[in-house]
């Protein structure tokens, strides 16, 4: 059976694993609070964030049998010219796990993990948006 296709943010949020719902909502609120220019919608069948184009996707992911909140930061559907050497964003807390020159992930295991790294995430998101 194919995975459920979400049409709205509320529909997506209604299906989130209850154990991680508060963590996901915390990450969501933090991203939306970075700038009034940040909006949200469903893209790639998950909760996604945009300014003039999409830059992040937020979902729950199973990792070694355990669910984690996974935030994927990217530069849009197509690679941007000039990022071959990397997409430089200040990350003094070491949140970002780079998957490529213009794509990184941040994982949160629970609310305490998110709370401890919230301010660092807000700074990284602000820097990411500025580079877009």
N, C-alpha and C. Protein backbone atom coordinates (compact mmCIF):
# COMPACT_ATOMS: atom_id res chain seq x y z
N UNK A 1 0.85 -1.18 0.00
CA UNK A 1 0.00 0.00 0.00
C UNK A 1 0.90 1.25 0.00
N UNK A 2 0.64 2.22 -0.87
CA UNK A 2 1.48 3.42 -0.93
C UNK A 2 1.31 4.26 0.34
N UNK A 3 2.34 5.05 0.67
CA UNK A 3 2.22 5.91 1.86
C UNK A 3 1.12 6.95 1.68
N UNK A 4 0.56 7.38 2.79
CA UNK A 4 -0.48 8.40 2.76
C UNK A 4 0.08 9.68 2.15
N UNK A 5 -0.71 10.33 1.32
CA UNK A 5 -0.32 11.59 0.70
C UNK A 5 -0.99 12.73 1.45
N UNK A 6 -0.20 13.62 2.04
CA UNK A 6 -0.73 14.72 2.82
C UNK A 6 -1.04 15.91 1.93
N UNK A 7 -2.14 16.57 2.22
CA UNK A 7 -2.55 17.75 1.46
C UNK A 7 -2.35 19.04 2.25
N UNK A 8 -2.43 18.93 3.60
CA UNK A 8 -2.33 20.13 4.44
C UNK A 8 -1.37 19.89 5.60
N UNK A 9 -0.89 20.97 6.18
CA UNK A 9 -0.01 20.89 7.35
C UNK A 9 -0.76 20.24 8.51
N UNK A 10 -2.00 20.63 8.73
CA UNK A 10 -2.79 20.05 9.83
C UNK A 10 -2.96 18.54 9.67
N UNK A 11 -3.18 18.09 8.46
CA UNK A 11 -3.31 16.66 8.19
C UNK A 11 -1.99 15.94 8.52
N UNK A 12 -0.89 16.52 8.11
CA UNK A 12 0.42 15.94 8.42
C UNK A 12 0.63 15.88 9.93
N UNK A 13 0.38 17.00 10.62
CA UNK A 13 0.62 17.06 12.06
C UNK A 13 -0.27 16.09 12.83
N UNK A 14 -1.46 15.81 12.30
CA UNK A 14 -2.36 14.87 12.94
C UNK A 14 -1.87 13.44 12.90
N UNK A 15 -0.93 13.14 12.03
CA UNK A 15 -0.40 11.78 11.87
C UNK A 15 0.97 11.57 12.51
N UNK A 16 1.52 12.60 13.15
CA UNK A 16 2.86 12.49 13.72
C UNK A 16 2.87 11.52 14.89
N UNK A 17 3.93 10.73 14.98
CA UNK A 17 4.13 9.80 16.09
C UNK A 17 3.94 10.56 17.40
N UNK A 18 2.99 10.14 18.25
CA UNK A 18 2.71 10.88 19.49
C UNK A 18 3.93 11.07 20.39
N UNK A 19 4.87 10.12 20.36
CA UNK A 19 6.06 10.24 21.20
C UNK A 19 6.95 11.40 20.78
N UNK A 20 6.85 11.82 19.52
CA UNK A 20 7.71 12.89 19.02
C UNK A 20 6.94 14.14 18.60
N UNK A 21 5.64 14.14 18.82
CA UNK A 21 4.82 15.28 18.37
C UNK A 21 5.27 16.59 19.00
N UNK A 22 5.55 16.59 20.30
CA UNK A 22 5.97 17.83 20.97
C UNK A 22 7.33 18.30 20.45
N UNK A 23 8.23 17.37 20.19
CA UNK A 23 9.55 17.73 19.65
C UNK A 23 9.39 18.34 18.27
N UNK A 24 8.61 17.68 17.41
CA UNK A 24 8.39 18.19 16.06
C UNK A 24 7.75 19.58 16.11
N UNK A 25 6.76 19.76 16.98
CA UNK A 25 6.10 21.07 17.10
C UNK A 25 7.09 22.13 17.59
N UNK A 26 7.98 21.77 18.50
CA UNK A 26 8.98 22.72 18.97
C UNK A 26 9.91 23.17 17.85
N UNK A 27 10.38 22.22 17.05
CA UNK A 27 11.24 22.55 15.91
C UNK A 27 10.46 23.43 14.94
N UNK A 28 9.24 23.05 14.67
CA UNK A 28 8.39 23.82 13.75
C UNK A 28 8.25 25.27 14.22
N UNK A 29 7.90 25.46 15.48
CA UNK A 29 7.72 26.83 16.01
C UNK A 29 9.03 27.62 15.96
N UNK A 30 10.14 26.97 16.25
CA UNK A 30 11.44 27.65 16.22
C UNK A 30 11.75 28.14 14.81
N UNK A 31 11.51 27.30 13.81
CA UNK A 31 11.79 27.70 12.42
C UNK A 31 10.89 28.85 12.00
N UNK A 32 9.60 28.75 12.31
CA UNK A 32 8.66 29.80 11.93
C UNK A 32 8.98 31.13 12.62
N UNK A 33 9.57 31.08 13.81
CA UNK A 33 9.87 32.29 14.56
C UNK A 33 11.14 33.00 14.08
N UNK A 34 11.93 32.34 13.25
CA UNK A 34 13.18 32.95 12.77
C UNK A 34 12.91 34.23 12.00
N UNK A 35 11.86 34.23 11.20
CA UNK A 35 11.55 35.40 10.37
C UNK A 35 10.08 35.36 9.97
N UNK A 36 9.44 36.52 9.88
CA UNK A 36 8.05 36.54 9.40
C UNK A 36 7.94 36.11 7.93
N UNK A 37 9.07 36.07 7.23
CA UNK A 37 9.07 35.65 5.83
C UNK A 37 8.98 34.12 5.69
N UNK A 38 9.17 33.38 6.78
CA UNK A 38 9.14 31.91 6.72
C UNK A 38 7.68 31.44 6.74
N UNK A 39 7.35 30.62 5.75
CA UNK A 39 6.04 29.99 5.68
C UNK A 39 6.21 28.49 5.67
N UNK A 40 5.10 27.78 5.74
CA UNK A 40 5.15 26.32 5.75
C UNK A 40 4.12 25.76 4.79
N UNK A 41 4.33 24.53 4.39
CA UNK A 41 3.40 23.84 3.51
C UNK A 41 3.82 22.39 3.40
N UNK A 42 3.12 21.66 2.59
CA UNK A 42 3.46 20.27 2.33
C UNK A 42 4.20 20.21 1.00
N UNK A 43 5.42 19.73 1.05
CA UNK A 43 6.25 19.53 -0.14
C UNK A 43 6.99 18.23 0.08
N UNK A 44 7.12 17.42 -0.93
CA UNK A 44 7.76 16.11 -0.81
C UNK A 44 7.06 15.27 0.26
N UNK A 45 5.77 15.48 0.41
CA UNK A 45 4.89 14.75 1.33
C UNK A 45 5.30 14.87 2.80
N UNK A 46 5.91 16.00 3.15
CA UNK A 46 6.21 16.24 4.56
C UNK A 46 6.11 17.74 4.83
N UNK A 47 6.18 18.10 6.09
CA UNK A 47 6.13 19.49 6.50
C UNK A 47 7.39 20.20 6.00
N UNK A 48 7.22 21.23 5.20
CA UNK A 48 8.35 21.93 4.59
C UNK A 48 8.24 23.42 4.83
N UNK A 49 9.39 24.10 4.80
CA UNK A 49 9.46 25.52 5.10
C UNK A 49 10.08 26.27 3.94
N UNK A 50 9.60 27.52 3.74
CA UNK A 50 10.06 28.30 2.60
C UNK A 50 10.12 29.78 2.97
N UNK A 51 10.90 30.49 2.22
CA UNK A 51 10.82 31.94 2.15
C UNK A 51 10.36 32.19 0.72
N UNK A 52 11.27 32.55 -0.17
CA UNK A 52 10.91 32.68 -1.58
C UNK A 52 10.92 31.31 -2.27
N UNK A 53 11.56 30.31 -1.65
CA UNK A 53 11.52 28.92 -2.12
C UNK A 53 11.75 28.01 -0.92
N UNK A 54 11.44 26.74 -1.08
CA UNK A 54 11.59 25.79 0.02
C UNK A 54 13.06 25.61 0.37
N UNK A 55 13.34 25.54 1.69
CA UNK A 55 14.71 25.37 2.17
C UNK A 55 14.84 24.28 3.23
N UNK A 56 13.74 23.73 3.74
CA UNK A 56 13.83 22.72 4.79
C UNK A 56 12.62 21.80 4.76
N UNK A 57 12.85 20.55 5.15
CA UNK A 57 11.79 19.56 5.28
C UNK A 57 11.91 18.91 6.65
N UNK A 58 10.78 18.76 7.33
CA UNK A 58 10.75 18.23 8.69
C UNK A 58 9.86 17.00 8.73
N UNK A 59 10.39 15.93 9.31
CA UNK A 59 9.64 14.69 9.34
C UNK A 59 10.12 13.85 10.52
N UNK A 60 9.42 12.76 10.77
CA UNK A 60 9.85 11.76 11.75
C UNK A 60 10.45 10.61 10.96
N UNK A 61 11.61 10.15 11.41
CA UNK A 61 12.36 9.13 10.70
C UNK A 61 12.73 8.01 11.67
N UNK A 62 12.64 6.78 11.22
CA UNK A 62 13.07 5.64 12.05
C UNK A 62 14.56 5.42 11.83
N UNK A 63 15.28 5.36 12.93
CA UNK A 63 16.72 5.20 12.88
C UNK A 63 17.11 4.14 13.91
N UNK A 64 17.60 3.02 13.42
CA UNK A 64 17.96 1.90 14.30
C UNK A 64 16.81 1.51 15.21
N UNK A 65 15.61 1.45 14.65
CA UNK A 65 14.42 1.05 15.39
C UNK A 65 13.82 2.12 16.28
N UNK A 66 14.42 3.30 16.30
CA UNK A 66 13.93 4.39 17.15
C UNK A 66 13.54 5.58 16.28
N UNK A 67 12.45 6.22 16.63
CA UNK A 67 11.99 7.38 15.87
C UNK A 67 12.75 8.63 16.32
N UNK A 68 13.14 9.46 15.36
CA UNK A 68 13.78 10.76 15.62
C UNK A 68 13.12 11.81 14.74
N UNK A 69 13.18 13.05 15.18
CA UNK A 69 12.73 14.15 14.34
C UNK A 69 13.92 14.52 13.46
N UNK A 70 13.67 14.54 12.16
CA UNK A 70 14.72 14.78 11.18
C UNK A 70 14.40 16.05 10.41
N UNK A 71 15.32 17.01 10.46
CA UNK A 71 15.20 18.25 9.72
C UNK A 71 16.24 18.23 8.62
N UNK A 72 15.78 18.28 7.37
CA UNK A 72 16.68 18.31 6.22
C UNK A 72 16.72 19.75 5.71
N UNK A 73 17.91 20.33 5.68
CA UNK A 73 18.11 21.67 5.14
C UNK A 73 18.69 21.53 3.74
N UNK A 74 18.14 22.27 2.80
CA UNK A 74 18.57 22.16 1.40
C UNK A 74 18.44 23.51 0.73
N UNK A 75 18.80 23.58 -0.51
CA UNK A 75 18.74 24.85 -1.25
C UNK A 75 17.68 24.83 -2.34
N UNK A 76 16.72 23.95 -2.21
CA UNK A 76 15.64 23.86 -3.19
C UNK A 76 15.73 22.57 -3.97
N UNK A 77 14.81 22.40 -4.89
CA UNK A 77 14.74 21.17 -5.67
C UNK A 77 15.92 20.99 -6.61
N UNK A 78 16.48 22.09 -7.06
CA UNK A 78 17.62 22.03 -7.99
C UNK A 78 18.85 22.66 -7.35
N UNK A 79 20.00 22.09 -7.63
CA UNK A 79 21.26 22.62 -7.10
C UNK A 79 21.49 24.04 -7.61
N UNK A 80 21.90 24.90 -6.71
CA UNK A 80 22.17 26.30 -7.05
C UNK A 80 23.58 26.42 -7.63
N UNK A 81 23.75 27.29 -8.61
CA UNK A 81 25.10 27.54 -9.11
C UNK A 81 25.94 28.15 -7.99
N UNK A 82 27.20 27.79 -7.95
CA UNK A 82 28.11 28.38 -6.99
C UNK A 82 28.20 27.67 -5.65
N UNK A 83 27.49 26.55 -5.46
CA UNK A 83 27.59 25.84 -4.17
C UNK A 83 28.42 24.57 -4.28
N UNK A 84 29.08 24.37 -5.41
CA UNK A 84 29.87 23.16 -5.60
C UNK A 84 30.91 23.00 -4.51
N UNK A 85 31.49 24.10 -4.06
CA UNK A 85 32.49 24.06 -3.01
C UNK A 85 31.92 24.05 -1.61
N UNK A 86 30.62 24.13 -1.50
CA UNK A 86 29.97 24.09 -0.19
C UNK A 86 29.08 25.29 0.06
N UNK A 87 28.13 25.09 0.90
CA UNK A 87 27.16 26.10 1.29
C UNK A 87 27.55 26.53 2.70
N UNK A 88 28.34 27.57 2.82
CA UNK A 88 28.91 27.95 4.10
C UNK A 88 27.86 28.58 5.02
N UNK A 89 27.66 27.94 6.17
CA UNK A 89 26.75 28.43 7.19
C UNK A 89 27.45 28.25 8.54
N UNK A 90 27.44 29.27 9.36
CA UNK A 90 28.05 29.17 10.68
C UNK A 90 27.30 28.14 11.52
N UNK A 91 28.04 27.21 12.11
CA UNK A 91 27.46 26.14 12.92
C UNK A 91 28.39 25.80 14.08
N UNK A 92 28.61 26.77 14.99
CA UNK A 92 29.57 26.52 16.07
C UNK A 92 29.18 25.37 16.99
N UNK A 93 27.90 25.03 17.09
CA UNK A 93 27.46 23.93 17.96
C UNK A 93 27.57 22.57 17.27
N UNK A 94 27.90 22.57 15.97
CA UNK A 94 28.06 21.30 15.26
C UNK A 94 26.75 20.55 15.05
N UNK A 95 25.67 21.27 14.82
CA UNK A 95 24.36 20.64 14.60
C UNK A 95 24.28 19.91 13.27
N UNK A 96 24.91 20.47 12.25
CA UNK A 96 24.70 20.00 10.88
C UNK A 96 25.52 18.76 10.56
N UNK A 97 24.84 17.78 10.01
CA UNK A 97 25.49 16.59 9.43
C UNK A 97 25.36 16.77 7.92
N UNK A 98 26.45 17.06 7.26
CA UNK A 98 26.42 17.39 5.83
C UNK A 98 26.25 16.12 4.99
N UNK A 99 25.27 16.17 4.09
CA UNK A 99 25.01 15.06 3.16
C UNK A 99 25.57 15.36 1.78
N UNK A 100 25.91 16.59 1.54
CA UNK A 100 26.45 17.05 0.27
C UNK A 100 26.85 18.50 0.43
N UNK A 101 27.31 19.15 -0.62
CA UNK A 101 27.77 20.53 -0.50
C UNK A 101 26.65 21.53 -0.19
N UNK A 102 25.39 21.15 -0.43
CA UNK A 102 24.27 22.07 -0.22
C UNK A 102 23.10 21.42 0.50
N UNK A 103 23.38 20.38 1.27
CA UNK A 103 22.31 19.65 1.95
C UNK A 103 22.85 19.09 3.27
N UNK A 104 22.08 19.33 4.35
CA UNK A 104 22.51 18.86 5.66
C UNK A 104 21.28 18.42 6.46
N UNK A 105 21.51 17.62 7.49
CA UNK A 105 20.42 17.20 8.37
C UNK A 105 20.77 17.54 9.81
N UNK A 106 19.71 17.71 10.59
CA UNK A 106 19.82 17.85 12.04
C UNK A 106 18.81 16.87 12.62
N UNK A 107 19.25 16.08 13.59
CA UNK A 107 18.38 15.07 14.22
C UNK A 107 18.12 15.46 15.67
N UNK A 108 16.89 15.27 16.11
CA UNK A 108 16.51 15.50 17.50
C UNK A 108 15.86 14.23 18.03
N UNK A 109 16.38 13.71 19.14
CA UNK A 109 15.87 12.46 19.68
C UNK A 109 14.65 12.64 20.57
N UNK A 110 14.52 13.81 21.19
CA UNK A 110 13.38 14.05 22.08
C UNK A 110 13.32 15.54 22.43
N UNK A 111 12.36 15.90 23.30
CA UNK A 111 12.18 17.31 23.66
C UNK A 111 13.41 17.89 24.37
N UNK A 112 14.03 17.12 25.25
CA UNK A 112 15.20 17.62 25.98
C UNK A 112 16.36 17.90 25.01
N UNK A 113 16.55 17.01 24.04
CA UNK A 113 17.59 17.20 23.03
C UNK A 113 17.32 18.48 22.25
N UNK A 114 16.08 18.67 21.82
CA UNK A 114 15.73 19.88 21.09
C UNK A 114 15.93 21.13 21.96
N UNK A 115 15.44 21.10 23.19
CA UNK A 115 15.53 22.26 24.09
C UNK A 115 16.99 22.67 24.30
N UNK A 116 17.87 21.69 24.43
CA UNK A 116 19.28 21.97 24.66
C UNK A 116 19.95 22.62 23.45
N UNK A 117 19.40 22.38 22.26
CA UNK A 117 20.04 22.88 21.03
C UNK A 117 19.17 23.87 20.27
N UNK A 118 18.09 24.33 20.88
CA UNK A 118 17.14 25.22 20.20
C UNK A 118 17.80 26.50 19.70
N UNK A 119 18.52 27.19 20.56
CA UNK A 119 19.14 28.47 20.17
C UNK A 119 20.14 28.27 19.03
N UNK A 120 20.90 27.19 19.08
CA UNK A 120 21.85 26.90 18.01
C UNK A 120 21.10 26.65 16.70
N UNK A 121 19.96 25.96 16.77
CA UNK A 121 19.16 25.71 15.57
C UNK A 121 18.64 27.01 14.98
N UNK A 122 18.13 27.89 15.82
CA UNK A 122 17.61 29.17 15.34
C UNK A 122 18.72 29.95 14.61
N UNK A 123 19.93 29.94 15.15
CA UNK A 123 21.04 30.64 14.51
C UNK A 123 21.38 30.01 13.16
N UNK A 124 21.41 28.68 13.10
CA UNK A 124 21.72 27.99 11.84
C UNK A 124 20.64 28.29 10.80
N UNK A 125 19.37 28.24 11.20
CA UNK A 125 18.28 28.51 10.24
C UNK A 125 18.38 29.95 9.73
N UNK A 126 18.67 30.89 10.61
CA UNK A 126 18.83 32.28 10.18
C UNK A 126 19.95 32.41 9.15
N UNK A 127 21.06 31.75 9.40
CA UNK A 127 22.18 31.77 8.46
C UNK A 127 21.84 31.09 7.15
N UNK A 128 21.10 29.99 7.23
CA UNK A 128 20.72 29.25 6.02
C UNK A 128 19.82 30.14 5.13
N UNK A 129 18.85 30.77 5.76
CA UNK A 129 17.93 31.64 5.00
C UNK A 129 18.69 32.80 4.36
N UNK A 130 19.62 33.38 5.11
CA UNK A 130 20.41 34.49 4.57
C UNK A 130 21.20 34.08 3.34
N UNK A 131 21.66 32.84 3.29
CA UNK A 131 22.43 32.35 2.13
C UNK A 131 21.56 32.02 0.94
N UNK A 132 20.28 31.80 1.17
CA UNK A 132 19.38 31.43 0.07
C UNK A 132 19.19 32.61 -0.85
